[in-house]
Amino acid sequence: MSITAAAVLFAVCWFMVFFIVLPLNLTTQGDAGTRVPGTHVSSPEDLRLGRKMIVTTLIALLVWAGLAFVITSGWIEIRDFDWFGVLDRHLETTGQSSIAQ
């Protein structure tokens, strides 16, 4: 896995975890009973975005480490997703012996 692939994988993991963490422990203005004029009742009272970003980063690091380990260990290869045998047919027609070339 290249550095760019690792960075992209981490960014994808981070944003997926962030969208899961974002609504957790959310107190809306409607729940708190205080509403700032011009905002929706469902707007957050106290978002605590910095804390959520730190929690997201820690969880995303764990998820990323697990995914990076599985990808680099070879437990899952591209051939595992070749359900229709397209890769084997392509390699036969091009004369290549593996996809690592």
C-alpha atoms as a PDB file:
ATOM      1  CA  MET A   1       0.000   0.000   0.000  1.00  0.00           C
ATOM      2  CA  SER A   2       1.450   3.328  -1.037  1.00  0.00           C
ATOM      3  CA  ILE A   3       1.490   6.388   1.204  1.00  0.00           C
ATOM      4  CA  THR A   4      -1.175   8.018  -0.943  1.00  0.00           C
ATOM      5  CA  ALA A   5      -3.437   4.969  -0.696  1.00  0.00           C
ATOM      6  CA  ALA A   6      -2.937   4.887   3.081  1.00  0.00           C
ATOM      7  CA  ALA A   7      -3.815   8.592   3.358  1.00  0.00           C
ATOM      8  CA  VAL A   8      -6.931   8.192   1.216  1.00  0.00           C
ATOM      9  CA  LEU A   9      -8.007   5.141   3.232  1.00  0.00           C
ATOM     10  CA  PHE A  10      -7.545   7.106   6.463  1.00  0.00           C
ATOM     11  CA  ALA A  11      -9.537  10.065   5.100  1.00  0.00           C
ATOM     12  CA  VAL A  12     -12.400   7.784   4.085  1.00  0.00           C
ATOM     13  CA  CYS A  13     -12.362   6.065   7.494  1.00  0.00           C
ATOM     14  CA  TRP A  14     -12.191   9.410   9.301  1.00  0.00           C
ATOM     15  CA  PHE A  15     -15.183  10.919   7.521  1.00  0.00           C
ATOM     16  CA  MET A  16     -17.271   7.759   7.862  1.00  0.00           C
ATOM     17  CA  VAL A  17     -16.580   7.651  11.607  1.00  0.00           C
ATOM     18  CA  PHE A  18     -17.143  11.411  11.882  1.00  0.00           C
ATOM     19  CA  PHE A  19     -20.632  11.164  10.414  1.00  0.00           C
ATOM     20  CA  ILE A  20     -21.396   8.412  12.927  1.00  0.00           C
ATOM     21  CA  VAL A  21     -19.976  10.329  15.920  1.00  0.00           C
ATOM     22  CA  LEU A  22     -21.474  13.711  14.980  1.00  0.00           C
ATOM     23  CA  PRO A  23     -25.044  13.099  16.235  1.00  0.00           C
ATOM     24  CA  LEU A  24     -23.975  11.270  19.427  1.00  0.00           C
ATOM     25  CA  ASN A  25     -24.664  13.121  22.701  1.00  0.00           C
ATOM     26  CA  LEU A  26     -26.303  15.942  20.781  1.00  0.00           C
ATOM     27  CA  THR A  27     -28.492  18.369  22.695  1.00  0.00           C
ATOM     28  CA  THR A  28     -30.671  20.409  20.374  1.00  0.00           C
ATOM     29  CA  GLN A  29     -31.929  23.908  21.070  1.00  0.00           C
ATOM     30  CA  GLY A  30     -35.437  22.468  21.268  1.00  0.00           C
ATOM     31  CA  ASP A  31     -34.345  19.976  23.948  1.00  0.00           C
ATOM     32  CA  ALA A  32     -32.587  22.689  25.965  1.00  0.00           C
ATOM     33  CA  GLY A  33     -35.482  25.117  25.628  1.00  0.00           C
ATOM     34  CA  THR A  34     -33.327  27.928  24.276  1.00  0.00           C
ATOM     35  CA  ARG A  35     -33.662  28.934  20.655  1.00  0.00           C
ATOM     36  CA  VAL A  36     -31.456  31.481  18.921  1.00  0.00           C
ATOM     37  CA  PRO A  37     -33.571  33.561  16.544  1.00  0.00           C
ATOM     38  CA  GLY A  38     -33.024  32.580  12.919  1.00  0.00           C
ATOM     39  CA  THR A  39     -32.017  28.985  13.669  1.00  0.00           C
ATOM     40  CA  HIS A  40     -33.936  25.727  13.570  1.00  0.00           C
ATOM     41  CA  VAL A  41     -35.163  24.094  16.746  1.00  0.00           C
ATOM     42  CA  SER A  42     -33.072  21.051  15.836  1.00  0.00           C
ATOM     43  CA  SER A  43     -29.843  23.086  15.764  1.00  0.00           C
ATOM     44  CA  PRO A  44     -27.271  21.955  18.338  1.00  0.00           C
ATOM     45  CA  GLU A  45     -27.147  23.784  21.646  1.00  0.00           C
ATOM     46  CA  ASP A  46     -23.487  22.957  22.301  1.00  0.00           C
ATOM     47  CA  LEU A  47     -21.845  21.025  19.454  1.00  0.00           C
ATOM     48  CA  ARG A  48     -18.416  20.418  21.053  1.00  0.00           C
ATOM     49  CA  LEU A  49     -16.925  19.894  17.603  1.00  0.00           C
ATOM     50  CA  GLY A  50     -13.302  19.742  18.781  1.00  0.00           C
ATOM     51  CA  ARG A  51     -14.061  16.915  21.209  1.00  0.00           C
ATOM     52  CA  LYS A  52     -15.946  15.011  18.519  1.00  0.00           C
ATOM     53  CA  MET A  53     -13.043  15.442  16.100  1.00  0.00           C
ATOM     54  CA  ILE A  54     -10.602  14.020  18.653  1.00  0.00           C
ATOM     55  CA  VAL A  55     -12.866  11.038  19.348  1.00  0.00           C
ATOM     56  CA  THR A  56     -13.307  10.552  15.606  1.00  0.00           C
ATOM     57  CA  THR A  57      -9.552  10.578  15.040  1.00  0.00           C
ATOM     58  CA  LEU A  58      -8.931   7.965  17.730  1.00  0.00           C
ATOM     59  CA  ILE A  59     -11.643   5.635  16.457  1.00  0.00           C
ATOM     60  CA  ALA A  60     -10.625   6.191  12.820  1.00  0.00           C
ATOM     61  CA  LEU A  61      -7.029   5.280  13.671  1.00  0.00           C
ATOM     62  CA  LEU A  62      -8.192   1.933  15.045  1.00  0.00           C
ATOM     63  CA  VAL A  63     -10.435   1.257  12.046  1.00  0.00           C
ATOM     64  CA  TRP A  64      -7.698   2.342   9.623  1.00  0.00           C
ATOM     65  CA  ALA A  65      -5.081   0.165  11.328  1.00  0.00           C
ATOM     66  CA  GLY A  66      -7.357  -2.863  11.056  1.00  0.00           C
ATOM     67  CA  LEU A  67      -8.150  -2.228   7.407  1.00  0.00           C
ATOM     68  CA  ALA A  68      -4.517  -1.482   6.526  1.00  0.00           C
ATOM     69  CA  PHE A  69      -3.417  -4.704   8.221  1.00  0.00           C
ATOM     70  CA  VAL A  70      -5.963  -6.787   6.320  1.00  0.00           C
ATOM     71  CA  ILE A  71      -5.048  -5.144   3.011  1.00  0.00           C
ATOM     72  CA  THR A  72      -1.265  -5.434   3.431  1.00  0.00           C
ATOM     73  CA  SER A  73      -1.327  -8.942   4.929  1.00  0.00           C
ATOM     74  CA  GLY A  74      -2.829 -10.431   1.803  1.00  0.00           C
ATOM     75  CA  TRP A  75      -5.868 -11.951   3.536  1.00  0.00           C
ATOM     76  CA  ILE A  76      -8.025 -10.244   0.937  1.00  0.00           C
ATOM     77  CA  GLU A  77      -6.784  -9.968  -2.629  1.00  0.00           C
ATOM     78  CA  ILE A  78      -8.327  -8.585  -5.798  1.00  0.00           C
ATOM     79  CA  ARG A  79      -8.986 -12.153  -6.955  1.00  0.00           C
ATOM     80  CA  ASP A  80     -11.410 -12.537  -4.030  1.00  0.00           C
ATOM     81  CA  PHE A  81     -13.671  -9.990  -5.709  1.00  0.00           C
ATOM     82  CA  ASP A  82     -13.396 -11.498  -9.204  1.00  0.00           C
ATOM     83  CA  TRP A  83     -16.634 -13.462  -8.986  1.00  0.00           C
ATOM     84  CA  PHE A  84     -17.093 -13.819 -12.744  1.00  0.00           C
ATOM     85  CA  GLY A  85     -13.517 -14.800 -13.682  1.00  0.00           C
ATOM     86  CA  VAL A  86     -12.910 -11.614 -15.662  1.00  0.00           C
ATOM     87  CA  LEU A  87      -9.387 -11.198 -14.294  1.00  0.00           C
ATOM     88  CA  ASP A  88      -8.292 -14.687 -15.370  1.00  0.00           C
ATOM     89  CA  ARG A  89      -9.652 -14.148 -18.882  1.00  0.00           C
ATOM     90  CA  HIS A  90      -7.919 -10.774 -19.103  1.00  0.00           C
ATOM     91  CA  LEU A  91      -4.598 -12.240 -18.010  1.00  0.00           C
ATOM     92  CA  GLU A  92      -4.915 -15.049 -20.544  1.00  0.00           C
ATOM     93  CA  THR A  93      -5.563 -12.665 -23.444  1.00  0.00           C
ATOM     94  CA  THR A  94      -2.733 -10.280 -22.502  1.00  0.00           C
ATOM     95  CA  GLY A  95      -0.249 -13.016 -21.692  1.00  0.00           C
ATOM     96  CA  GLN A  96       0.490 -11.738 -18.211  1.00  0.00           C
ATOM     97  CA  SER A  97       1.030 -14.190 -15.391  1.00  0.00           C
ATOM     98  CA  SER A  98      -0.108 -12.027 -12.470  1.00  0.00           C
ATOM     99  CA  ILE A  99      -1.653  -8.660 -11.712  1.00  0.00           C
ATOM    100  CA  ALA A 100       1.414  -7.470  -9.778  1.00  0.00           C
ATOM    101  CA  GLN A 101       3.287  -6.618 -12.970  1.00  0.00           C
END
